[in-house]
C-alpha atoms as a PDB file:
ATOM      1  CA  MET A   1       0.000   0.000   0.000  1.00  0.00           C
ATOM      2  CA  ARG A   2       1.344   3.367  -0.965  1.00  0.00           C
ATOM      3  CA  ILE A   3       0.420   6.528   0.843  1.00  0.00           C
ATOM      4  CA  GLY A   4       1.056   9.764  -0.968  1.00  0.00           C
ATOM      5  CA  ASN A   5      -0.172  13.317  -1.335  1.00  0.00           C
ATOM      6  CA  ILE A   6      -0.614  13.791   2.382  1.00  0.00           C
ATOM      7  CA  ASP A   7      -0.268  17.538   1.888  1.00  0.00           C
ATOM      8  CA  LYS A   8      -3.407  17.560  -0.308  1.00  0.00           C
ATOM      9  CA  ILE A   9      -5.359  15.581   2.267  1.00  0.00           C
ATOM     10  CA  THR A  10      -4.247  17.891   5.046  1.00  0.00           C
ATOM     11  CA  GLN A  11      -5.248  20.959   3.001  1.00  0.00           C
ATOM     12  CA  ILE A  12      -8.710  19.523   2.269  1.00  0.00           C
ATOM     13  CA  TYR A  13      -9.228  18.712   5.934  1.00  0.00           C
ATOM     14  CA  GLN A  14      -8.201  22.214   7.021  1.00  0.00           C
ATOM     15  CA  ASN A  15     -10.548  23.787   4.461  1.00  0.00           C
ATOM     16  CA  GLN A  16     -13.473  21.737   5.798  1.00  0.00           C
ATOM     17  CA  VAL A  17     -12.725  22.554   9.418  1.00  0.00           C
ATOM     18  CA  GLY A  18     -12.166  26.226   8.762  1.00  0.00           C
ATOM     19  CA  PRO A  19      -9.901  28.663  10.520  1.00  0.00           C
ATOM     20  CA  ALA A  20      -9.555  28.367  14.252  1.00  0.00           C
ATOM     21  CA  LYS A  21     -11.798  30.730  16.157  1.00  0.00           C
ATOM     22  CA  LYS A  22     -10.189  33.129  18.564  1.00  0.00           C
ATOM     23  CA  GLN A  23     -11.353  32.679  22.100  1.00  0.00           C
ATOM     24  CA  ALA A  24     -12.614  35.616  24.068  1.00  0.00           C
ATOM     25  CA  PRO A  25     -10.146  36.805  26.692  1.00  0.00           C
ATOM     26  CA  LEU A  26     -10.719  35.361  30.119  1.00  0.00           C
ATOM     27  CA  PRO A  27     -12.212  37.699  32.686  1.00  0.00           C
ATOM     28  CA  LYS A  28      -9.812  39.122  35.240  1.00  0.00           C
ATOM     29  CA  TYR A  29     -10.425  38.212  38.840  1.00  0.00           C
ATOM     30  CA  GLU A  30      -9.356  40.076  41.917  1.00  0.00           C
ATOM     31  CA  VAL A  31      -8.766  38.523  45.299  1.00  0.00           C
ATOM     32  CA  GLU A  32      -8.867  40.485  48.516  1.00  0.00           C
ATOM     33  CA  ILE A  33      -7.140  38.970  51.529  1.00  0.00           C
ATOM     34  CA  SER A  34      -8.660  39.821  54.899  1.00  0.00           C
ATOM     35  CA  ASP A  35      -6.630  41.467  57.647  1.00  0.00           C
ATOM     36  CA  GLU A  36      -6.919  38.313  59.742  1.00  0.00           C
ATOM     37  CA  ALA A  37      -5.524  36.196  56.902  1.00  0.00           C
ATOM     38  CA  GLN A  38      -2.645  38.635  56.415  1.00  0.00           C
ATOM     39  CA  VAL A  39      -1.757  38.463  60.120  1.00  0.00           C
ATOM     40  CA  LEU A  40      -1.981  34.679  60.011  1.00  0.00           C
ATOM     41  CA  GLY A  41       0.227  34.610  56.909  1.00  0.00           C
ATOM     42  CA  SER A  42       2.891  36.790  58.487  1.00  0.00           C
ATOM     43  CA  ALA A  43       2.828  34.650  61.656  1.00  0.00           C
ATOM     44  CA  PHE A  44       3.178  31.500  59.570  1.00  0.00           C
ATOM     45  CA  LYS A  45       6.105  33.047  57.705  1.00  0.00           C
ATOM     46  CA  ALA A  46       7.816  33.998  60.985  1.00  0.00           C
ATOM     47  CA  VAL A  47       7.417  30.464  62.339  1.00  0.00           C
ATOM     48  CA  LYS A  48       8.699  28.978  59.096  1.00  0.00           C
ATOM     49  CA  GLU A  49      11.784  31.213  59.127  1.00  0.00           C
ATOM     50  CA  SER A  50      12.620  30.498  62.764  1.00  0.00           C
ATOM     51  CA  PRO A  51      15.155  27.729  63.374  1.00  0.00           C
ATOM     52  CA  ASP A  52      13.916  24.283  64.420  1.00  0.00           C
ATOM     53  CA  VAL A  53      16.482  24.129  67.209  1.00  0.00           C
ATOM     54  CA  ARG A  54      16.938  26.887  69.762  1.00  0.00           C
ATOM     55  CA  MET A  55      20.726  26.908  69.831  1.00  0.00           C
ATOM     56  CA  ASP A  56      20.909  29.278  72.806  1.00  0.00           C
ATOM     57  CA  LYS A  57      19.030  26.770  74.951  1.00  0.00           C
ATOM     58  CA  VAL A  58      21.050  23.827  73.585  1.00  0.00           C
ATOM     59  CA  ASN A  59      24.328  25.601  74.342  1.00  0.00           C
ATOM     60  CA  SER A  60      23.134  26.509  77.832  1.00  0.00           C
ATOM     61  CA  ILE A  61      22.231  22.884  78.618  1.00  0.00           C
ATOM     62  CA  LYS A  62      25.525  21.660  77.139  1.00  0.00           C
ATOM     63  CA  GLU A  63      27.387  24.049  79.416  1.00  0.00           C
ATOM     64  CA  GLN A  64      25.407  22.877  82.449  1.00  0.00           C
ATOM     65  CA  ILE A  65      26.137  19.225  81.593  1.00  0.00           C
ATOM     66  CA  LYS A  66      29.822  20.023  81.138  1.00  0.00           C
ATOM     67  CA  ASN A  67      29.936  21.775  84.538  1.00  0.00           C
ATOM     68  CA  GLY A  68      27.913  19.017  86.228  1.00  0.00           C
ATOM     69  CA  THR A  69      25.161  21.425  87.234  1.00  0.00           C
ATOM     70  CA  TYR A  70      22.403  20.089  84.966  1.00  0.00           C
ATOM     71  CA  ASN A  71      19.656  18.478  87.031  1.00  0.00           C
ATOM     72  CA  VAL A  72      16.354  17.139  85.800  1.00  0.00           C
ATOM     73  CA  SER A  73      13.539  16.553  88.231  1.00  0.00           C
ATOM     74  CA  ALA A  74      12.376  12.936  88.242  1.00  0.00           C
ATOM     75  CA  ARG A  75       8.869  14.234  88.803  1.00  0.00           C
ATOM     76  CA  ASP A  76       9.030  16.370  85.632  1.00  0.00           C
ATOM     77  CA  VAL A  77      10.275  13.404  83.604  1.00  0.00           C
ATOM     78  CA  SER A  78       7.559  11.092  84.927  1.00  0.00           C
ATOM     79  CA  GLU A  79       4.849  13.702  84.254  1.00  0.00           C
ATOM     80  CA  LYS A  80       6.037  14.107  80.662  1.00  0.00           C
ATOM     81  CA  ILE A  81       6.066  10.327  80.141  1.00  0.00           C
ATOM     82  CA  LEU A  82       2.552   9.960  81.556  1.00  0.00           C
ATOM     83  CA  ASN A  83       1.263  12.841  79.437  1.00  0.00           C
ATOM     84  CA  LYS A  84       2.666  11.184  76.301  1.00  0.00           C
ATOM     85  CA  LEU A  85       1.008   7.881  77.226  1.00  0.00           C
ATOM     86  CA  ILE A  86      -2.369   9.465  77.934  1.00  0.00           C
ATOM     87  CA  VAL A  87      -2.487  11.632  74.833  1.00  0.00           C
END
């Protein structure tokens, strides 16, 4: 089977379909962000930019451990464990 004159077939098809219609421009939308959402967004940004680890506290505890002055209350530890188990 021999296929030829594809250009003619394409031209006939395009003539039948006609030129492509231009679409109307899409309407423009405006969004207004409430004051509460703006405050929430800025708070979220501040939290996101803050470091995950508070190095000042870590360094302070490291220094206390090094000096032998770091003490943890057994009661505080047990309360934290129980709270984790309950929740």
